[in-house]
Amino acid sequence: MQKKNRLKSPIAKGVSLALGMGLMAPIYAQQTDEAPSAATEEQVEVIAVTGIRGSLMRSMDTKRESVGVVDAINAEDIGKFPDTNLAESLQRITGVSIDRQNGEGSRVTVRGFGADFNLVTLNGRQLPTNSGLGRSFDFGDLAAEGVSGVEIYKTGKAHVPTGGIGATINILSVKPLDSREMNASFGLKAVNDTSTITGQEWTPEFSGIYSNTFMDDTFGVTFIGSIQKRNNGAQSATTNFFSEVDGGTIRDGISLDGTQPSEGDIVGIPRNIVYSISEIERTRTNAQLTLQYAPTRRPNYYVRLHLCRTRSIKQLQRCILLGSTGSR
């Protein structure tokens, strides 16, 4: 009996050819798709957002990627912070208010807790204070040119130092390997304070920044210096205490409604009134030197020297008026 060869039949040959073409088509298409992708990766163009928009984007990224309630402010560029005073920049954040001293932001209040209940750190290390305002930190001692950003932790985290009931405020200084290029700038500003009487209303502020990297961007140096002079004046009138006397013993006394006080009326009279005129001349000097070495991504070594000196000269003039009472 003769067997029939099915592989050599015309129908079998047609089906085999159709299946072979169907299997080869996806493989060919995948190869053609992968070839342009490799060429496209070599021609990727990086778009870097800088300026105010870049600063806002970095602040949003810090807030979005953090666990807990965190707010942040970032500088537009090296030496370009939103305000010349850190406290005045922090009041832009929700829940933060400031106290002013001599016309300039000095201390911050977060979520209703005063300055004594907030912890201020510089790169994670607690900052001392020499203003005589308690344990609160005076933000007027730091120049904004050497600050790259400020983080406010309203809730606790494991890596954040404890000690602030209201919030922990971490000030971030400029690091040379963050930019990985040479940066140099010089700034001249002027402050117009019309509250002074004897001093000059226009006072200067000088600042300079130099940052550069070496050894294939593994070693960097940053130096920042700032000198600010400011004259400020204040006038005040105060009274220490009042004496309660009988209205019949007041000579030429007139009450608030225009009537003469009579016997039996209780009248409050200030015992003394103090008129004060104060003039303050302040000179603030800041200097910061940072050496950073990073042979690999981790570990990262750096040495930072920070000098902050504030000198204030205060002139005070007082005029005291003493009050007295007597019988008619």
C-alpha atoms as a PDB file:
ATOM      1  CA  MET A   1       0.000   0.000   0.000  1.00  0.00           C
ATOM      2  CA  GLN A   2       1.426   3.413  -0.945  1.00  0.00           C
ATOM      3  CA  LYS A   3       1.401   6.188   1.741  1.00  0.00           C
ATOM      4  CA  LYS A   4       0.492   9.765   0.824  1.00  0.00           C
ATOM      5  CA  ASN A   5       3.048  12.475   1.677  1.00  0.00           C
ATOM      6  CA  ARG A   6       1.046  15.346   3.258  1.00  0.00           C
ATOM      7  CA  LEU A   7       3.993  17.782   3.488  1.00  0.00           C
ATOM      8  CA  LYS A   8       4.348  17.853  -0.250  1.00  0.00           C
ATOM      9  CA  SER A   9       0.708  18.644  -0.920  1.00  0.00           C
ATOM     10  CA  PRO A  10      -0.065  22.177  -2.216  1.00  0.00           C
ATOM     11  CA  ILE A  11      -2.465  22.926   0.681  1.00  0.00           C
ATOM     12  CA  ALA A  12       0.116  22.007   3.327  1.00  0.00           C
ATOM     13  CA  LYS A  13       2.768  24.119   1.642  1.00  0.00           C
ATOM     14  CA  GLY A  14       0.464  27.166   1.609  1.00  0.00           C
ATOM     15  CA  VAL A  15      -0.419  26.853   5.286  1.00  0.00           C
ATOM     16  CA  SER A  16       3.273  26.483   6.249  1.00  0.00           C
ATOM     17  CA  LEU A  17       4.241  29.556   4.285  1.00  0.00           C
ATOM     18  CA  ALA A  18       1.490  31.683   5.897  1.00  0.00           C
ATOM     19  CA  LEU A  19       2.476  30.634   9.428  1.00  0.00           C
ATOM     20  CA  GLY A  20       6.146  31.340   8.756  1.00  0.00           C
ATOM     21  CA  MET A  21       5.469  34.853   7.483  1.00  0.00           C
ATOM     22  CA  GLY A  22       3.247  35.602  10.501  1.00  0.00           C
ATOM     23  CA  LEU A  23       5.967  34.597  12.978  1.00  0.00           C
ATOM     24  CA  MET A  24       8.709  36.524  11.215  1.00  0.00           C
ATOM     25  CA  ALA A  25       6.775  39.815  10.995  1.00  0.00           C
ATOM     26  CA  PRO A  26       6.703  40.638  14.770  1.00  0.00           C
ATOM     27  CA  ILE A  27      10.399  39.813  15.111  1.00  0.00           C
ATOM     28  CA  TYR A  28      11.303  42.127  12.264  1.00  0.00           C
ATOM     29  CA  ALA A  29       9.131  44.902  13.628  1.00  0.00           C
ATOM     30  CA  GLN A  30      10.735  44.644  17.080  1.00  0.00           C
ATOM     31  CA  GLN A  31      14.207  44.912  15.593  1.00  0.00           C
ATOM     32  CA  THR A  32      13.277  48.008  13.626  1.00  0.00           C
ATOM     33  CA  ASP A  33      11.780  49.660  16.760  1.00  0.00           C
ATOM     34  CA  GLU A  34      14.845  49.070  18.923  1.00  0.00           C
ATOM     35  CA  ALA A  35      17.335  50.531  16.494  1.00  0.00           C
ATOM     36  CA  PRO A  36      15.991  54.126  16.518  1.00  0.00           C
ATOM     37  CA  SER A  37      15.604  54.113  20.346  1.00  0.00           C
ATOM     38  CA  ALA A  38      19.354  53.615  20.835  1.00  0.00           C
ATOM     39  CA  ALA A  39      20.091  56.505  18.524  1.00  0.00           C
ATOM     40  CA  THR A  40      17.512  58.651  20.256  1.00  0.00           C
ATOM     41  CA  GLU A  41      19.083  58.113  23.688  1.00  0.00           C
ATOM     42  CA  GLU A  42      22.372  59.534  22.444  1.00  0.00           C
ATOM     43  CA  GLN A  43      20.634  62.719  21.269  1.00  0.00           C
ATOM     44  CA  VAL A  44      18.590  63.432  24.429  1.00  0.00           C
ATOM     45  CA  GLU A  45      18.505  67.159  25.172  1.00  0.00           C
ATOM     46  CA  VAL A  46      18.443  68.136  28.873  1.00  0.00           C
ATOM     47  CA  ILE A  47      16.345  71.194  29.753  1.00  0.00           C
ATOM     48  CA  ALA A  48      17.292  72.741  33.115  1.00  0.00           C
ATOM     49  CA  VAL A  49      14.799  75.097  34.760  1.00  0.00           C
ATOM     50  CA  THR A  50      16.459  77.917  36.731  1.00  0.00           C
ATOM     51  CA  GLY A  51      15.460  81.237  38.244  1.00  0.00           C
ATOM     52  CA  ILE A  52      12.280  81.795  40.232  1.00  0.00           C
ATOM     53  CA  ARG A  53      10.441  78.908  38.578  1.00  0.00           C
ATOM     54  CA  GLY A  54      13.294  76.517  39.320  1.00  0.00           C
ATOM     55  CA  SER A  55      13.345  77.662  42.944  1.00  0.00           C
ATOM     56  CA  LEU A  56       9.599  77.025  43.286  1.00  0.00           C
ATOM     57  CA  MET A  57       9.946  73.589  41.681  1.00  0.00           C
ATOM     58  CA  ARG A  58      12.708  72.570  44.110  1.00  0.00           C
ATOM     59  CA  SER A  59      10.609  73.775  47.043  1.00  0.00           C
ATOM     60  CA  MET A  60       7.638  71.727  45.831  1.00  0.00           C
ATOM     61  CA  ASP A  61       9.839  68.657  45.347  1.00  0.00           C
ATOM     62  CA  THR A  62      11.142  68.948  48.911  1.00  0.00           C
ATOM     63  CA  LYS A  63       7.620  69.199  50.257  1.00  0.00           C
ATOM     64  CA  ARG A  64       6.312  66.356  48.068  1.00  0.00           C
ATOM     65  CA  GLU A  65       9.120  63.866  48.783  1.00  0.00           C
ATOM     66  CA  SER A  66       9.255  64.451  52.557  1.00  0.00           C
ATOM     67  CA  VAL A  67       7.416  62.285  55.066  1.00  0.00           C
ATOM     68  CA  GLY A  68       5.477  64.586  57.377  1.00  0.00           C
ATOM     69  CA  VAL A  69       4.603  68.279  57.259  1.00  0.00           C
ATOM     70  CA  VAL A  70       7.579  70.116  55.744  1.00  0.00           C
ATOM     71  CA  ASP A  71       7.864  73.522  54.055  1.00  0.00           C
ATOM     72  CA  ALA A  72      10.911  74.840  52.249  1.00  0.00           C
ATOM     73  CA  ILE A  73      12.328  77.928  50.544  1.00  0.00           C
ATOM     74  CA  ASN A  74      15.148  77.620  47.999  1.00  0.00           C
ATOM     75  CA  ALA A  75      17.409  80.277  46.522  1.00  0.00           C
ATOM     76  CA  GLU A  76      17.034  81.123  42.840  1.00  0.00           C
ATOM     77  CA  ASP A  77      20.786  80.764  42.334  1.00  0.00           C
ATOM     78  CA  ILE A  78      23.919  80.929  44.427  1.00  0.00           C
ATOM     79  CA  GLY A  79      23.709  84.142  46.455  1.00  0.00           C
ATOM     80  CA  LYS A  80      20.137  84.934  45.326  1.00  0.00           C
ATOM     81  CA  PHE A  81      17.762  84.435  48.230  1.00  0.00           C
ATOM     82  CA  PRO A  82      14.262  85.996  48.075  1.00  0.00           C
ATOM     83  CA  ASP A  83      15.048  88.517  50.841  1.00  0.00           C
ATOM     84  CA  THR A  84      18.181  89.915  52.443  1.00  0.00           C
ATOM     85  CA  ASN A  85      16.809  88.818  55.832  1.00  0.00           C
ATOM     86  CA  LEU A  86      16.024  85.156  56.530  1.00  0.00           C
ATOM     87  CA  ALA A  87      13.165  85.881  58.909  1.00  0.00           C
ATOM     88  CA  GLU A  88      11.406  88.025  56.311  1.00  0.00           C
ATOM     89  CA  SER A  89      11.694  85.149  53.831  1.00  0.00           C
ATOM     90  CA  LEU A  90      10.247  82.657  56.303  1.00  0.00           C
ATOM     91  CA  GLN A  91       7.105  84.722  56.848  1.00  0.00           C
ATOM     92  CA  ARG A  92       6.041  83.719  53.315  1.00  0.00           C
ATOM     93  CA  ILE A  93       5.340  80.217  54.647  1.00  0.00           C
ATOM     94  CA  THR A  94       1.929  79.338  56.035  1.00  0.00           C
ATOM     95  CA  GLY A  95       1.818  79.397  59.831  1.00  0.00           C
ATOM     96  CA  VAL A  96       5.016  81.448  60.254  1.00  0.00           C
ATOM     97  CA  SER A  97       5.070  84.992  61.638  1.00  0.00           C
ATOM     98  CA  ILE A  98       8.030  87.138  62.649  1.00  0.00           C
ATOM     99  CA  ASP A  99       9.012  89.652  65.307  1.00  0.00           C
ATOM    100  CA  ARG A 100      10.903  92.750  64.227  1.00  0.00           C
ATOM    101  CA  GLN A 101      13.670  94.431  66.140  1.00  0.00           C
ATOM    102  CA  ASN A 102      15.103  97.779  65.012  1.00  0.00           C
ATOM    103  CA  GLY A 103      13.062  97.597  61.828  1.00  0.00           C
ATOM    104  CA  GLU A 104      14.369  94.174  60.720  1.00  0.00           C
ATOM    105  CA  GLY A 105      13.088  90.618  61.088  1.00  0.00           C
ATOM    106  CA  SER A 106      14.598  89.021  64.162  1.00  0.00           C
ATOM    107  CA  ARG A 107      12.652  86.011  65.507  1.00  0.00           C
ATOM    108  CA  VAL A 108      10.009  83.658  64.125  1.00  0.00           C
ATOM    109  CA  THR A 109       6.824  82.190  65.559  1.00  0.00           C
ATOM    110  CA  VAL A 110       5.523  78.912  64.097  1.00  0.00           C
ATOM    111  CA  ARG A 111       1.945  77.661  64.609  1.00  0.00           C
ATOM    112  CA  GLY A 112       1.470  80.046  67.523  1.00  0.00           C
ATOM    113  CA  PHE A 113       4.559  78.891  69.432  1.00  0.00           C
ATOM    114  CA  GLY A 114       6.969  81.695  70.239  1.00  0.00           C
ATOM    115  CA  ALA A 115      10.604  81.910  69.223  1.00  0.00           C
ATOM    116  CA  ASP A 116      11.766  80.196  72.432  1.00  0.00           C
ATOM    117  CA  PHE A 117       9.892  77.029  71.436  1.00  0.00           C
ATOM    118  CA  ASN A 118      11.492  76.651  67.990  1.00  0.00           C
ATOM    119  CA  LEU A 119      14.819  74.969  67.282  1.00  0.00           C
ATOM    120  CA  VAL A 120      17.113  76.554  64.661  1.00  0.00           C
ATOM    121  CA  THR A 121      19.920  74.493  63.116  1.00  0.00           C
ATOM    122  CA  LEU A 122      22.582  75.076  60.457  1.00  0.00           C
ATOM    123  CA  ASN A 123      22.995  71.943  58.327  1.00  0.00           C
ATOM    124  CA  GLY A 124      21.561  69.890  61.191  1.00  0.00           C
ATOM    125  CA  ARG A 125      23.639  71.494  63.980  1.00  0.00           C
ATOM    126  CA  GLN A 126      22.045  73.723  66.591  1.00  0.00           C
ATOM    127  CA  LEU A 127      22.931  77.410  66.395  1.00  0.00           C
ATOM    128  CA  PRO A 128      23.767  79.467  69.502  1.00  0.00           C
ATOM    129  CA  THR A 129      22.392  82.927  70.159  1.00  0.00           C
ATOM    130  CA  ASN A 130      24.041  86.001  71.646  1.00  0.00           C
ATOM    131  CA  SER A 131      21.232  88.519  71.345  1.00  0.00           C
ATOM    132  CA  GLY A 132      20.073  88.237  74.947  1.00  0.00           C
ATOM    133  CA  LEU A 133      16.582  87.240  73.764  1.00  0.00           C
ATOM    134  CA  GLY A 134      16.532  83.920  75.600  1.00  0.00           C
ATOM    135  CA  ARG A 135      17.100  80.646  73.767  1.00  0.00           C
ATOM    136  CA  SER A 136      15.579  82.010  70.552  1.00  0.00           C
ATOM    137  CA  PHE A 137      17.852  82.599  67.556  1.00  0.00           C
ATOM    138  CA  ASP A 138      18.229  86.054  66.017  1.00  0.00           C
ATOM    139  CA  PHE A 139      17.987  85.681  62.225  1.00  0.00           C
ATOM    140  CA  GLY A 140      19.390  89.177  61.769  1.00  0.00           C
ATOM    141  CA  ASP A 141      22.864  87.761  62.560  1.00  0.00           C
ATOM    142  CA  LEU A 142      22.997  85.715  59.333  1.00  0.00           C
ATOM    143  CA  ALA A 143      23.409  87.109  55.824  1.00  0.00           C
ATOM    144  CA  ALA A 144      21.150  85.545  53.200  1.00  0.00           C
ATOM    145  CA  GLU A 145      23.898  85.380  50.544  1.00  0.00           C
ATOM    146  CA  GLY A 146      25.406  82.241  52.087  1.00  0.00           C
ATOM    147  CA  VAL A 147      22.112  80.344  52.346  1.00  0.00           C
ATOM    148  CA  SER A 148      20.900  77.956  49.655  1.00  0.00           C
ATOM    149  CA  GLY A 149      17.624  77.019  51.320  1.00  0.00           C
ATOM    150  CA  VAL A 150      15.598  76.795  54.531  1.00  0.00           C
ATOM    151  CA  GLU A 151      13.550  73.776  55.648  1.00  0.00           C
ATOM    152  CA  ILE A 152      10.820  73.968  58.291  1.00  0.00           C
ATOM    153  CA  TYR A 153       9.855  70.641  59.884  1.00  0.00           C
ATOM    154  CA  LYS A 154       6.479  71.070  61.582  1.00  0.00           C
ATOM    155  CA  THR A 155       6.380  67.404  62.548  1.00  0.00           C
ATOM    156  CA  GLY A 156       9.110  65.232  64.017  1.00  0.00           C
ATOM    157  CA  LYS A 157      11.353  62.939  61.971  1.00  0.00           C
ATOM    158  CA  ALA A 158      13.991  60.409  62.962  1.00  0.00           C
ATOM    159  CA  HIS A 159      16.935  62.292  61.423  1.00  0.00           C
ATOM    160  CA  VAL A 160      15.853  65.749  62.624  1.00  0.00           C
ATOM    161  CA  PRO A 161      17.197  66.964  66.006  1.00  0.00           C
ATOM    162  CA  THR A 162      14.570  67.317  68.692  1.00  0.00           C
ATOM    163  CA  GLY A 163      13.978  70.368  70.852  1.00  0.00           C
ATOM    164  CA  GLY A 164      11.463  72.450  68.934  1.00  0.00           C
ATOM    165  CA  ILE A 165       7.838  72.261  70.051  1.00  0.00           C
ATOM    166  CA  GLY A 166       6.614  74.578  67.326  1.00  0.00           C
ATOM    167  CA  ALA A 167       9.008  73.561  64.542  1.00  0.00           C
ATOM    168  CA  THR A 168      12.597  72.729  63.679  1.00  0.00           C
ATOM    169  CA  ILE A 169      14.107  75.219  61.225  1.00  0.00           C
ATOM    170  CA  ASN A 170      17.120  73.897  59.312  1.00  0.00           C
ATOM    171  CA  ILE A 171      19.238  76.423  57.395  1.00  0.00           C
ATOM    172  CA  LEU A 172      21.140  74.955  54.427  1.00  0.00           C
ATOM    173  CA  SER A 173      24.384  76.635  53.433  1.00  0.00           C
ATOM    174  CA  VAL A 174      25.953  76.732  49.966  1.00  0.00           C
ATOM    175  CA  LYS A 175      28.113  73.730  48.995  1.00  0.00           C
ATOM    176  CA  PRO A 176      30.623  73.909  46.117  1.00  0.00           C
ATOM    177  CA  LEU A 177      29.838  70.491  44.604  1.00  0.00           C
ATOM    178  CA  ASP A 178      26.151  71.335  44.226  1.00  0.00           C
ATOM    179  CA  SER A 179      26.864  73.476  41.154  1.00  0.00           C
ATOM    180  CA  ARG A 180      30.067  71.719  39.915  1.00  0.00           C
ATOM    181  CA  GLU A 181      31.298  74.801  38.102  1.00  0.00           C
ATOM    182  CA  MET A 182      33.035  78.081  38.792  1.00  0.00           C
ATOM    183  CA  ASN A 183      30.779  80.817  40.196  1.00  0.00           C
ATOM    184  CA  ALA A 184      31.825  84.309  41.197  1.00  0.00           C
ATOM    185  CA  SER A 185      29.708  87.344  41.992  1.00  0.00           C
ATOM    186  CA  PHE A 186      29.955  90.667  43.776  1.00  0.00           C
ATOM    187  CA  GLY A 187      26.984  92.564  45.130  1.00  0.00           C
ATOM    188  CA  LEU A 188      26.386  96.098  46.341  1.00  0.00           C
ATOM    189  CA  LYS A 189      23.142  97.076  48.053  1.00  0.00           C
ATOM    190  CA  ALA A 190      21.833 100.070  49.937  1.00  0.00           C
ATOM    191  CA  VAL A 191      19.256 100.323  52.710  1.00  0.00           C
ATOM    192  CA  ASN A 192      17.174 103.437  53.252  1.00  0.00           C
ATOM    193  CA  ASP A 193      16.063 103.705  56.890  1.00  0.00           C
ATOM    194  CA  THR A 194      14.225 106.956  57.559  1.00  0.00           C
ATOM    195  CA  SER A 195      13.742 106.258  61.275  1.00  0.00           C
ATOM    196  CA  THR A 196      17.215 107.540  62.161  1.00  0.00           C
ATOM    197  CA  ILE A 197      17.669 111.181  63.179  1.00  0.00           C
ATOM    198  CA  THR A 198      21.403 111.603  63.717  1.00  0.00           C
ATOM    199  CA  GLY A 199      22.754 108.867  61.426  1.00  0.00           C
ATOM    200  CA  GLN A 200      22.827 108.490  57.665  1.00  0.00           C
ATOM    201  CA  GLU A 201      19.610 107.204  56.123  1.00  0.00           C
ATOM    202  CA  TRP A 202      21.379 105.406  53.249  1.00  0.00           C
ATOM    203  CA  THR A 203      23.772 102.670  54.411  1.00  0.00           C
ATOM    204  CA  PRO A 204      25.715 100.193  52.207  1.00  0.00           C
ATOM    205  CA  GLU A 205      25.983  96.407  52.129  1.00  0.00           C
ATOM    206  CA  PHE A 206      28.786  94.570  50.316  1.00  0.00           C
ATOM    207  CA  SER A 207      28.831  90.836  49.519  1.00  0.00           C
ATOM    208  CA  GLY A 208      31.106  88.578  47.500  1.00  0.00           C
ATOM    209  CA  ILE A 209      30.906  84.893  46.512  1.00  0.00           C
ATOM    210  CA  TYR A 210      33.481  82.586  44.929  1.00  0.00           C
ATOM    211  CA  SER A 211      32.934  78.882  44.296  1.00  0.00           C
ATOM    212  CA  ASN A 212      34.916  76.444  42.155  1.00  0.00           C
ATOM    213  CA  THR A 213      35.549  72.713  41.753  1.00  0.00           C
ATOM    214  CA  PHE A 214      38.772  70.805  41.036  1.00  0.00           C
ATOM    215  CA  MET A 215      40.038  67.243  40.486  1.00  0.00           C
ATOM    216  CA  ASP A 216      37.254  66.235  38.079  1.00  0.00           C
ATOM    217  CA  ASP A 217      34.553  67.810  40.261  1.00  0.00           C
ATOM    218  CA  THR A 218      35.512  65.781  43.330  1.00  0.00           C
ATOM    219  CA  PHE A 219      36.906  68.686  45.384  1.00  0.00           C
ATOM    220  CA  GLY A 220      35.334  72.106  45.776  1.00  0.00           C
ATOM    221  CA  VAL A 221      35.945  75.397  47.569  1.00  0.00           C
ATOM    222  CA  THR A 222      33.428  78.112  48.427  1.00  0.00           C
ATOM    223  CA  PHE A 223      34.092  81.451  50.107  1.00  0.00           C
ATOM    224  CA  ILE A 224      31.331  83.918  50.965  1.00  0.00           C
ATOM    225  CA  GLY A 225      31.753  87.281  52.666  1.00  0.00           C
ATOM    226  CA  SER A 226      29.255  89.995  53.580  1.00  0.00           C
ATOM    227  CA  ILE A 227      29.420  93.337  55.432  1.00  0.00           C
ATOM    228  CA  GLN A 228      26.320  95.353  56.255  1.00  0.00           C
ATOM    229  CA  LYS A 229      25.963  98.695  58.010  1.00  0.00           C
ATOM    230  CA  ARG A 230      22.633 100.059  59.136  1.00  0.00           C
ATOM    231  CA  ASN A 231      21.447 103.028  61.180  1.00  0.00           C
ATOM    232  CA  ASN A 232      18.152 102.835  62.986  1.00  0.00           C
ATOM    233  CA  GLY A 233      16.238 105.106  65.331  1.00  0.00           C
ATOM    234  CA  ALA A 234      13.244 104.718  67.624  1.00  0.00           C
ATOM    235  CA  GLN A 235      11.127 107.135  69.635  1.00  0.00           C
ATOM    236  CA  SER A 236       8.890 106.068  72.506  1.00  0.00           C
ATOM    237  CA  ALA A 237       6.790 107.458  75.341  1.00  0.00           C
ATOM    238  CA  THR A 238       6.065 105.297  78.375  1.00  0.00           C
ATOM    239  CA  THR A 239       4.673 105.609  81.868  1.00  0.00           C
ATOM    240  CA  ASN A 240       5.599 103.353  84.740  1.00  0.00           C
ATOM    241  CA  PHE A 241       2.486 103.320  86.906  1.00  0.00           C
ATOM    242  CA  PHE A 242      -0.630 105.287  87.801  1.00  0.00           C
ATOM    243  CA  SER A 243      -1.770 106.622  91.166  1.00  0.00           C
ATOM    244  CA  GLU A 244      -5.430 106.545  92.163  1.00  0.00           C
ATOM    245  CA  VAL A 245      -6.463 109.712  93.974  1.00  0.00           C
ATOM    246  CA  ASP A 246      -9.695 111.420  94.973  1.00  0.00           C
ATOM    247  CA  GLY A 247     -11.024 113.798  92.333  1.00  0.00           C
ATOM    248  CA  GLY A 248     -11.496 116.567  94.883  1.00  0.00           C
ATOM    249  CA  THR A 249      -7.743 116.813  95.447  1.00  0.00           C
ATOM    250  CA  ILE A 250      -6.904 117.403  91.764  1.00  0.00           C
ATOM    251  CA  ARG A 251      -5.917 120.919  90.801  1.00  0.00           C
ATOM    252  CA  ASP A 252      -7.234 121.989  87.374  1.00  0.00           C
ATOM    253  CA  GLY A 253      -8.253 118.427  86.614  1.00  0.00           C
ATOM    254  CA  ILE A 254     -10.543 117.612  83.670  1.00  0.00           C
ATOM    255  CA  SER A 255     -11.973 114.166  82.956  1.00  0.00           C
ATOM    256  CA  LEU A 256     -12.258 112.574  79.530  1.00  0.00           C
ATOM    257  CA  ASP A 257     -15.809 113.792  78.933  1.00  0.00           C
ATOM    258  CA  GLY A 258     -14.839 117.408  79.631  1.00  0.00           C
ATOM    259  CA  THR A 259     -16.289 117.703  83.153  1.00  0.00           C
ATOM    260  CA  GLN A 260     -14.428 118.685  86.289  1.00  0.00           C
ATOM    261  CA  PRO A 261     -13.786 115.720  88.633  1.00  0.00           C
ATOM    262  CA  SER A 262     -15.546 116.155  91.919  1.00  0.00           C
ATOM    263  CA  GLU A 263     -14.956 114.873  95.410  1.00  0.00           C
ATOM    264  CA  GLY A 264     -15.490 111.122  95.630  1.00  0.00           C
ATOM    265  CA  ASP A 265     -14.401 110.454  92.035  1.00  0.00           C
ATOM    266  CA  ILE A 266     -11.422 108.144  91.590  1.00  0.00           C
ATOM    267  CA  VAL A 267      -8.892 109.597  89.139  1.00  0.00           C
ATOM    268  CA  GLY A 268      -5.805 107.844  87.757  1.00  0.00           C
ATOM    269  CA  ILE A 269      -2.735 110.058  87.362  1.00  0.00           C
ATOM    270  CA  PRO A 270       0.582 108.909  85.836  1.00  0.00           C
ATOM    271  CA  ARG A 271       3.368 109.336  88.342  1.00  0.00           C
ATOM    272  CA  ASN A 272       5.973 109.863  85.636  1.00  0.00           C
ATOM    273  CA  ILE A 273       6.206 109.945  81.843  1.00  0.00           C
ATOM    274  CA  VAL A 274       9.395 108.950  80.028  1.00  0.00           C
ATOM    275  CA  TYR A 275      10.171 110.193  76.519  1.00  0.00           C
ATOM    276  CA  SER A 276      13.036 108.267  74.886  1.00  0.00           C
ATOM    277  CA  ILE A 277      14.989 108.776  71.665  1.00  0.00           C
ATOM    278  CA  SER A 278      17.393 105.975  70.754  1.00  0.00           C
ATOM    279  CA  GLU A 279      19.863 105.726  67.867  1.00  0.00           C
ATOM    280  CA  ILE A 280      21.449 102.386  66.915  1.00  0.00           C
ATOM    281  CA  GLU A 281      24.417 101.916  64.587  1.00  0.00           C
ATOM    282  CA  ARG A 282      24.899  98.260  63.647  1.00  0.00           C
ATOM    283  CA  THR A 283      27.660  96.548  61.672  1.00  0.00           C
ATOM    284  CA  ARG A 284      27.198  92.896  60.692  1.00  0.00           C
ATOM    285  CA  THR A 285      30.090  90.840  59.328  1.00  0.00           C
ATOM    286  CA  ASN A 286      29.635  87.324  57.926  1.00  0.00           C
ATOM    287  CA  ALA A 287      32.299  85.048  56.433  1.00  0.00           C
ATOM    288  CA  GLN A 288      31.975  81.433  55.374  1.00  0.00           C
ATOM    289  CA  LEU A 289      34.590  79.013  54.015  1.00  0.00           C
ATOM    290  CA  THR A 290      33.563  75.530  52.843  1.00  0.00           C
ATOM    291  CA  LEU A 291      35.848  72.721  51.646  1.00  0.00           C
ATOM    292  CA  GLN A 292      34.082  69.678  50.210  1.00  0.00           C
ATOM    293  CA  TYR A 293      35.567  66.396  48.981  1.00  0.00           C
ATOM    294  CA  ALA A 294      33.529  63.606  47.396  1.00  0.00           C
ATOM    295  CA  PRO A 295      35.599  60.936  45.582  1.00  0.00           C
ATOM    296  CA  THR A 296      32.373  58.956  45.077  1.00  0.00           C
ATOM    297  CA  ARG A 297      28.738  59.675  45.661  1.00  0.00           C
ATOM    298  CA  ARG A 298      29.137  58.332  49.175  1.00  0.00           C
ATOM    299  CA  PRO A 299      30.867  59.151  51.472  1.00  0.00           C
ATOM    300  CA  ASN A 300      30.946  62.945  51.300  1.00  0.00           C
ATOM    301  CA  TYR A 301      33.435  64.929  53.399  1.00  0.00           C
ATOM    302  CA  TYR A 302      33.333  68.650  54.052  1.00  0.00           C
ATOM    303  CA  VAL A 303      34.814  71.219  56.416  1.00  0.00           C
ATOM    304  CA  ARG A 304      32.966  74.469  57.068  1.00  0.00           C
ATOM    305  CA  LEU A 305      34.153  77.556  58.944  1.00  0.00           C
ATOM    306  CA  HIS A 306      31.542  80.190  59.718  1.00  0.00           C
ATOM    307  CA  LEU A 307      32.182  83.615  61.235  1.00  0.00           C
ATOM    308  CA  CYS A 308      29.314  85.814  62.392  1.00  0.00           C
ATOM    309  CA  ARG A 309      29.968  89.085  64.174  1.00  0.00           C
ATOM    310  CA  THR A 310      27.480  91.828  64.993  1.00  0.00           C
ATOM    311  CA  ARG A 311      28.483  95.110  66.592  1.00  0.00           C
ATOM    312  CA  SER A 312      25.857  97.585  67.788  1.00  0.00           C
ATOM    313  CA  ILE A 313      26.333 101.052  69.234  1.00  0.00           C
ATOM    314  CA  LYS A 314      23.274 102.466  70.940  1.00  0.00           C
ATOM    315  CA  GLN A 315      22.772 106.070  71.985  1.00  0.00           C
ATOM    316  CA  LEU A 316      19.845 106.728  74.296  1.00  0.00           C
ATOM    317  CA  GLN A 317      18.379 110.050  75.395  1.00  0.00           C
ATOM    318  CA  ARG A 318      15.565 110.239  77.933  1.00  0.00           C
ATOM    319  CA  CYS A 319      13.369 112.971  79.305  1.00  0.00           C
ATOM    320  CA  ILE A 320      11.449 112.091  82.492  1.00  0.00           C
ATOM    321  CA  LEU A 321       8.473 114.129  83.690  1.00  0.00           C
ATOM    322  CA  LEU A 322       7.499 113.532  87.299  1.00  0.00           C
ATOM    323  CA  GLY A 323       3.864 114.010  88.335  1.00  0.00           C
ATOM    324  CA  SER A 324       2.521 115.108  91.698  1.00  0.00           C
ATOM    325  CA  THR A 325      -0.827 115.628  93.400  1.00  0.00           C
ATOM    326  CA  GLY A 326      -1.963 118.031  96.029  1.00  0.00           C
ATOM    327  CA  SER A 327      -4.921 119.754  97.706  1.00  0.00           C
ATOM    328  CA  ARG A 328      -6.620 122.888  96.498  1.00  0.00           C
END
